[in-house]
Structure formats: C-alpha cells, structure tokens
C-alpha atoms as a PDB file:
ATOM      1  CA  MET A   1      21.857   4.174 -17.117  1.00  0.00           C
ATOM      2  CA  ALA A   2      22.025   2.005 -14.040  1.00  0.00           C
ATOM      3  CA  GLU A   3      24.892  -0.414 -13.416  1.00  0.00           C
ATOM      4  CA  LEU A   4      23.598  -3.825 -12.302  1.00  0.00           C
ATOM      5  CA  SER A   5      25.347  -6.408 -10.188  1.00  0.00           C
ATOM      6  CA  GLU A   6      24.624  -9.261  -7.836  1.00  0.00           C
ATOM      7  CA  ALA A   7      24.145  -8.018  -4.269  1.00  0.00           C
ATOM      8  CA  SER A   8      26.683  -8.831  -1.611  1.00  0.00           C
ATOM      9  CA  ALA A   9      26.476  -8.941   2.177  1.00  0.00           C
ATOM     10  CA  GLY A  10      27.908  -5.406   2.190  1.00  0.00           C
ATOM     11  CA  ASP A  11      24.802  -4.125   0.387  1.00  0.00           C
ATOM     12  CA  ILE A  12      22.235  -5.447   2.878  1.00  0.00           C
ATOM     13  CA  ASP A  13      22.006  -2.394   5.154  1.00  0.00           C
ATOM     14  CA  GLN A  14      21.540   0.028   2.234  1.00  0.00           C
ATOM     15  CA  LEU A  15      18.956  -2.233   0.624  1.00  0.00           C
ATOM     16  CA  ALA A  16      17.086  -2.485   3.946  1.00  0.00           C
ATOM     17  CA  ALA A  17      17.118   1.315   4.260  1.00  0.00           C
ATOM     18  CA  LEU A  18      15.747   1.679   0.726  1.00  0.00           C
ATOM     19  CA  GLN A  19      13.030  -0.911   1.414  1.00  0.00           C
ATOM     20  CA  THR A  20      12.053   0.876   4.612  1.00  0.00           C
ATOM     21  CA  GLU A  21      11.847   4.193   2.740  1.00  0.00           C
ATOM     22  CA  VAL A  22       9.634   2.691   0.043  1.00  0.00           C
ATOM     23  CA  ARG A  23       7.499   0.167   1.938  1.00  0.00           C
ATOM     24  CA  GLY A  24       7.793   1.122   5.610  1.00  0.00           C
ATOM     25  CA  GLY A  25       8.584  -1.240   8.434  1.00  0.00           C
ATOM     26  CA  GLY A  26      11.855  -1.479  10.300  1.00  0.00           C
ATOM     27  CA  VAL A  27      15.364  -1.562   8.888  1.00  0.00           C
ATOM     28  CA  ALA A  28      16.315  -4.539  11.056  1.00  0.00           C
ATOM     29  CA  GLN A  29      13.320  -6.535   9.818  1.00  0.00           C
ATOM     30  CA  TRP A  30      14.195  -5.835   6.175  1.00  0.00           C
ATOM     31  CA  ALA A  31      17.909  -6.465   6.700  1.00  0.00           C
ATOM     32  CA  GLU A  32      17.176  -9.905   8.150  1.00  0.00           C
ATOM     33  CA  ARG A  33      14.834 -10.760   5.255  1.00  0.00           C
ATOM     34  CA  ILE A  34      17.203  -9.434   2.563  1.00  0.00           C
ATOM     35  CA  GLY A  35      20.146 -11.115   4.265  1.00  0.00           C
ATOM     36  CA  ARG A  36      18.442 -14.533   3.910  1.00  0.00           C
ATOM     37  CA  ALA A  37      18.096 -13.923   0.148  1.00  0.00           C
ATOM     38  CA  VAL A  38      21.631 -12.628  -0.550  1.00  0.00           C
ATOM     39  CA  GLY A  39      23.785 -15.636  -1.384  1.00  0.00           C
ATOM     40  CA  ALA A  40      21.005 -18.174  -0.885  1.00  0.00           C
ATOM     41  CA  GLU A  41      20.970 -21.300  -3.021  1.00  0.00           C
ATOM     42  CA  ARG A  42      18.804 -21.027  -6.186  1.00  0.00           C
ATOM     43  CA  SER A  43      18.147 -17.330  -5.710  1.00  0.00           C
ATOM     44  CA  VAL A  44      19.735 -13.999  -6.475  1.00  0.00           C
ATOM     45  CA  VAL A  45      19.417 -10.384  -5.425  1.00  0.00           C
ATOM     46  CA  VAL A  46      20.456  -7.822  -8.057  1.00  0.00           C
ATOM     47  CA  VAL A  47      21.283  -4.206  -7.258  1.00  0.00           C
ATOM     48  CA  ALA A  48      21.011  -1.158  -9.540  1.00  0.00           C
ATOM     49  CA  ARG A  49      23.399   1.730  -8.978  1.00  0.00           C
ATOM     50  CA  VAL A  50      23.805   5.113 -10.630  1.00  0.00           C
ATOM     51  CA  ASP A  51      27.071   6.893  -9.808  1.00  0.00           C
ATOM     52  CA  GLY A  52      27.502   4.559  -6.826  1.00  0.00           C
ATOM     53  CA  GLU A  53      24.072   5.303  -5.380  1.00  0.00           C
ATOM     54  CA  ILE A  54      21.744   2.332  -4.948  1.00  0.00           C
ATOM     55  CA  THR A  55      18.643   3.158  -6.996  1.00  0.00           C
ATOM     56  CA  GLY A  56      16.846  -0.157  -6.722  1.00  0.00           C
ATOM     57  CA  TYR A  57      17.039  -3.895  -6.292  1.00  0.00           C
ATOM     58  CA  ALA A  58      15.123  -7.048  -7.121  1.00  0.00           C
ATOM     59  CA  ASN A  59      15.034 -10.762  -6.345  1.00  0.00           C
ATOM     60  CA  VAL A  60      14.696 -14.140  -8.007  1.00  0.00           C
ATOM     61  CA  THR A  61      13.733 -17.160  -5.944  1.00  0.00           C
ATOM     62  CA  PHE A  62      13.226 -20.799  -6.871  1.00  0.00           C
ATOM     63  CA  LEU A  63       9.842 -21.887  -5.516  1.00  0.00           C
ATOM     64  CA  PRO A  64       8.548 -25.479  -5.378  1.00  0.00           C
ATOM     65  CA  GLU A  65       5.145 -26.342  -6.803  1.00  0.00           C
ATOM     66  CA  HIS A  66       2.589 -24.961  -4.385  1.00  0.00           C
ATOM     67  CA  PRO A  67       0.256 -27.730  -3.181  1.00  0.00           C
ATOM     68  CA  GLY A  68      -2.609 -25.426  -2.236  1.00  0.00           C
ATOM     69  CA  ASP A  69      -2.974 -23.519  -5.479  1.00  0.00           C
ATOM     70  CA  GLY A  70      -1.055 -25.607  -8.035  1.00  0.00           C
ATOM     71  CA  ALA A  71       1.347 -22.849  -9.052  1.00  0.00           C
ATOM     72  CA  PRO A  72       4.258 -24.666 -10.767  1.00  0.00           C
ATOM     73  CA  ASP A  73       7.782 -24.938  -9.452  1.00  0.00           C
ATOM     74  CA  GLY A  74      10.391 -22.712 -11.019  1.00  0.00           C
ATOM     75  CA  TYR A  75      12.376 -19.517 -10.787  1.00  0.00           C
ATOM     76  CA  TYR A  76      10.118 -16.605  -9.853  1.00  0.00           C
ATOM     77  CA  LEU A  77      10.814 -12.886 -10.096  1.00  0.00           C
ATOM     78  CA  SER A  78       9.950 -11.965  -6.519  1.00  0.00           C
ATOM     79  CA  GLY A  79       9.947  -8.257  -5.985  1.00  0.00           C
ATOM     80  CA  VAL A  80      11.317  -5.011  -7.332  1.00  0.00           C
ATOM     81  CA  THR A  81      12.027  -1.947  -5.238  1.00  0.00           C
ATOM     82  CA  VAL A  82      13.033   1.314  -6.944  1.00  0.00           C
ATOM     83  CA  SER A  83      13.823   4.527  -5.134  1.00  0.00           C
ATOM     84  CA  PRO A  84      10.985   7.019  -5.684  1.00  0.00           C
ATOM     85  CA  ARG A  85      13.355   9.547  -7.300  1.00  0.00           C
ATOM     86  CA  TRP A  86      14.514   6.930  -9.853  1.00  0.00           C
ATOM     87  CA  ARG A  87      11.096   5.621 -10.934  1.00  0.00           C
ATOM     88  CA  ARG A  88       9.997   5.823 -14.551  1.00  0.00           C
ATOM     89  CA  GLN A  89      13.642   5.963 -15.665  1.00  0.00           C
ATOM     90  CA  GLY A  90      14.107   2.344 -16.749  1.00  0.00           C
ATOM     91  CA  VAL A  91      15.565   0.953 -13.501  1.00  0.00           C
ATOM     92  CA  GLY A  92      12.737  -1.565 -12.972  1.00  0.00           C
ATOM     93  CA  ARG A  93      12.903  -2.696 -16.602  1.00  0.00           C
ATOM     94  CA  ALA A  94      16.684  -3.135 -16.374  1.00  0.00           C
ATOM     95  CA  LEU A  95      16.388  -5.134 -13.153  1.00  0.00           C
ATOM     96  CA  THR A  96      13.769  -7.347 -14.762  1.00  0.00           C
ATOM     97  CA  ARG A  97      15.807  -7.997 -17.911  1.00  0.00           C
ATOM     98  CA  TRP A  98      18.910  -8.840 -15.830  1.00  0.00           C
ATOM     99  CA  ARG A  99      16.908 -11.339 -13.740  1.00  0.00           C
ATOM    100  CA  MET A 100      15.366 -12.914 -16.839  1.00  0.00           C
ATOM    101  CA  ALA A 101      18.849 -13.505 -18.285  1.00  0.00           C
ATOM    102  CA  TRP A 102      20.051 -14.951 -14.953  1.00  0.00           C
ATOM    103  CA  VAL A 103      17.135 -17.420 -14.894  1.00  0.00           C
ATOM    104  CA  TRP A 104      17.527 -18.358 -18.576  1.00  0.00           C
ATOM    105  CA  ALA A 105      21.133 -19.346 -17.905  1.00  0.00           C
ATOM    106  CA  ARG A 106      19.639 -22.004 -15.559  1.00  0.00           C
ATOM    107  CA  ASP A 107      16.142 -22.809 -16.835  1.00  0.00           C
ATOM    108  CA  PRO A 108      14.053 -22.233 -19.995  1.00  0.00           C
ATOM    109  CA  SER A 109      11.164 -20.606 -18.060  1.00  0.00           C
ATOM    110  CA  VAL A 110      10.986 -17.588 -15.807  1.00  0.00           C
ATOM    111  CA  TRP A 111       7.814 -17.018 -13.783  1.00  0.00           C
ATOM    112  CA  CYS A 112       6.188 -14.191 -11.871  1.00  0.00           C
ATOM    113  CA  PHE A 113       2.877 -13.383 -10.331  1.00  0.00           C
ATOM    114  CA  VAL A 114       1.338  -9.960  -9.849  1.00  0.00           C
ATOM    115  CA  SER A 115      -1.940  -8.495  -8.772  1.00  0.00           C
ATOM    116  CA  ALA A 116      -4.300  -8.474 -11.734  1.00  0.00           C
ATOM    117  CA  ARG A 117      -5.007  -4.834 -10.804  1.00  0.00           C
ATOM    118  CA  ASN A 118      -1.334  -3.809 -11.202  1.00  0.00           C
ATOM    119  CA  ARG A 119      -1.578  -2.564 -14.801  1.00  0.00           C
ATOM    120  CA  ALA A 120       1.953  -1.058 -14.758  1.00  0.00           C
ATOM    121  CA  SER A 121       3.521  -4.400 -13.772  1.00  0.00           C
ATOM    122  CA  LEU A 122       1.413  -6.378 -16.233  1.00  0.00           C
ATOM    123  CA  ASP A 123       2.346  -3.979 -19.053  1.00  0.00           C
ATOM    124  CA  LEU A 124       6.069  -4.134 -18.161  1.00  0.00           C
ATOM    125  CA  HIS A 125       6.145  -7.932 -18.060  1.00  0.00           C
ATOM    126  CA  THR A 126       4.073  -8.268 -21.258  1.00  0.00           C
ATOM    127  CA  ALA A 127       6.428  -5.892 -23.079  1.00  0.00           C
ATOM    128  CA  LEU A 128       9.341  -8.097 -21.970  1.00  0.00           C
ATOM    129  CA  GLY A 129       7.757 -11.281 -23.395  1.00  0.00           C
ATOM    130  CA  PHE A 130       5.749 -12.634 -20.485  1.00  0.00           C
ATOM    131  CA  VAL A 131       2.471 -14.354 -21.302  1.00  0.00           C
ATOM    132  CA  GLU A 132      -0.361 -14.776 -18.807  1.00  0.00           C
ATOM    133  CA  VAL A 133      -0.853 -18.431 -17.898  1.00  0.00           C
ATOM    134  CA  ARG A 134      -3.859 -18.030 -15.567  1.00  0.00           C
ATOM    135  CA  ARG A 135      -5.550 -15.952 -12.923  1.00  0.00           C
ATOM    136  CA  ALA A 136      -6.310 -17.106  -9.404  1.00  0.00           C
ATOM    137  CA  PRO A 137      -7.120 -15.625  -5.991  1.00  0.00           C
ATOM    138  CA  VAL A 138      -3.970 -17.262  -4.542  1.00  0.00           C
ATOM    139  CA  LEU A 139      -0.664 -18.053  -6.278  1.00  0.00           C
ATOM    140  CA  GLN A 140       2.306 -19.646  -4.484  1.00  0.00           C
ATOM    141  CA  GLY A 141       0.379 -19.079  -1.283  1.00  0.00           C
ATOM    142  CA  VAL A 142       0.098 -15.320  -1.867  1.00  0.00           C
ATOM    143  CA  SER A 143      -3.368 -13.773  -1.873  1.00  0.00           C
ATOM    144  CA  PHE A 144      -4.056 -10.587  -3.819  1.00  0.00           C
ATOM    145  CA  GLU A 145      -5.667  -7.315  -2.940  1.00  0.00           C
ATOM    146  CA  GLY A 146      -8.707  -7.070  -5.166  1.00  0.00           C
ATOM    147  CA  GLY A 147      -9.016 -10.843  -5.241  1.00  0.00           C
ATOM    148  CA  SER A 148      -7.070 -11.920  -8.317  1.00  0.00           C
ATOM    149  CA  GLY A 149      -3.464 -12.496  -9.269  1.00  0.00           C
ATOM    150  CA  ALA A 150      -1.970 -13.174 -12.704  1.00  0.00           C
ATOM    151  CA  LEU A 151       0.566 -15.966 -13.201  1.00  0.00           C
ATOM    152  CA  LEU A 152       2.989 -15.055 -15.994  1.00  0.00           C
ATOM    153  CA  ARG A 153       5.747 -16.964 -17.769  1.00  0.00           C
ATOM    154  CA  ALA A 154       8.456 -15.974 -20.235  1.00  0.00           C
ATOM    155  CA  GLN A 155      10.273 -18.633 -22.253  1.00  0.00           C
ATOM    156  CA  ARG A 156      13.997 -18.419 -23.076  1.00  0.00           C
ATOM    157  CA  PRO A 157      14.455 -17.302 -26.681  1.00  0.00           C
ATOM    158  CA  ILE A 158      15.756 -20.010 -28.974  1.00  0.00           C
END
C-alpha cells in the first residue's frame, strides 16, 4: 500500500516529471504550477509513495464562490495524477480519502467537479460518499469536454 504525506518543496521536480509523463507539457511549466500549490495557504498537495517511489499525487484548493457559474466557495479536490504503472491499485482512492480527511479537519464539506462523462471518477467519488449537487457546462470557471460537468459534495461524518 502507498504511504501518503504532504508534499514538500523537495518533491516538486519529481511531481513535475510525473505530470509531464502522464499529461505531457514541459517539466518547467509543471514545476512552476506545482510549486505554487506546495505550501500555499488553504491548499495542500499530497504525495503517494511505494518503497520510496512517487506513484501519484493530488491537490486540494480553497476556491471562492465563482461569480460566473455560482459554484460555491469551499475546499475542492483539484486533480489526481497516478503513474500509469500504479493505476487500478488503490492509489487514487487513497489520495482521495487522505484529502477528504484533511478538508474535514477544516470544514464540514469537501467539493469536487468532474466531467459528467468521466464514469470512473464519478463512481470513485460516489463510493466515497460524494453526492451530485448539480450539472452545468461550466463549474468554477472550468468548461467540460462533452459539455457538462458534475458538482459533487461530501459531508463530514458526524
């Protein structure tokens, strides 16, 4: 099983290399973007490692209410990247559970939005207690391939 911890500045280059492998783009571009998130106020980057190897990472970001689409303010799960050789082994689920606990220590609600066409993500979040709040073509200023995104929320257990 993966060991999870909050990312540090020393992880940025490896996370950028993983992101480049998975999503393309340049390492410098990703390093700059990830660097802004690591240690930022009201956000966290969590890293998954197996035997010291980074197998994935994910973010949480506090977003204000979006004036254009009315998506509420709150802590949003904002991206999961898992190394292709570690997919379907529980890394994404573990990263999501860790982030949910991190948010619940600060707020009773955790939010996310995903493409309504992304059945795997919808199934994962539903299995972890997320409930669909609404669908829209744009959420938090993000438009969706296929035209619709799903806004999801999970409430802290009592």
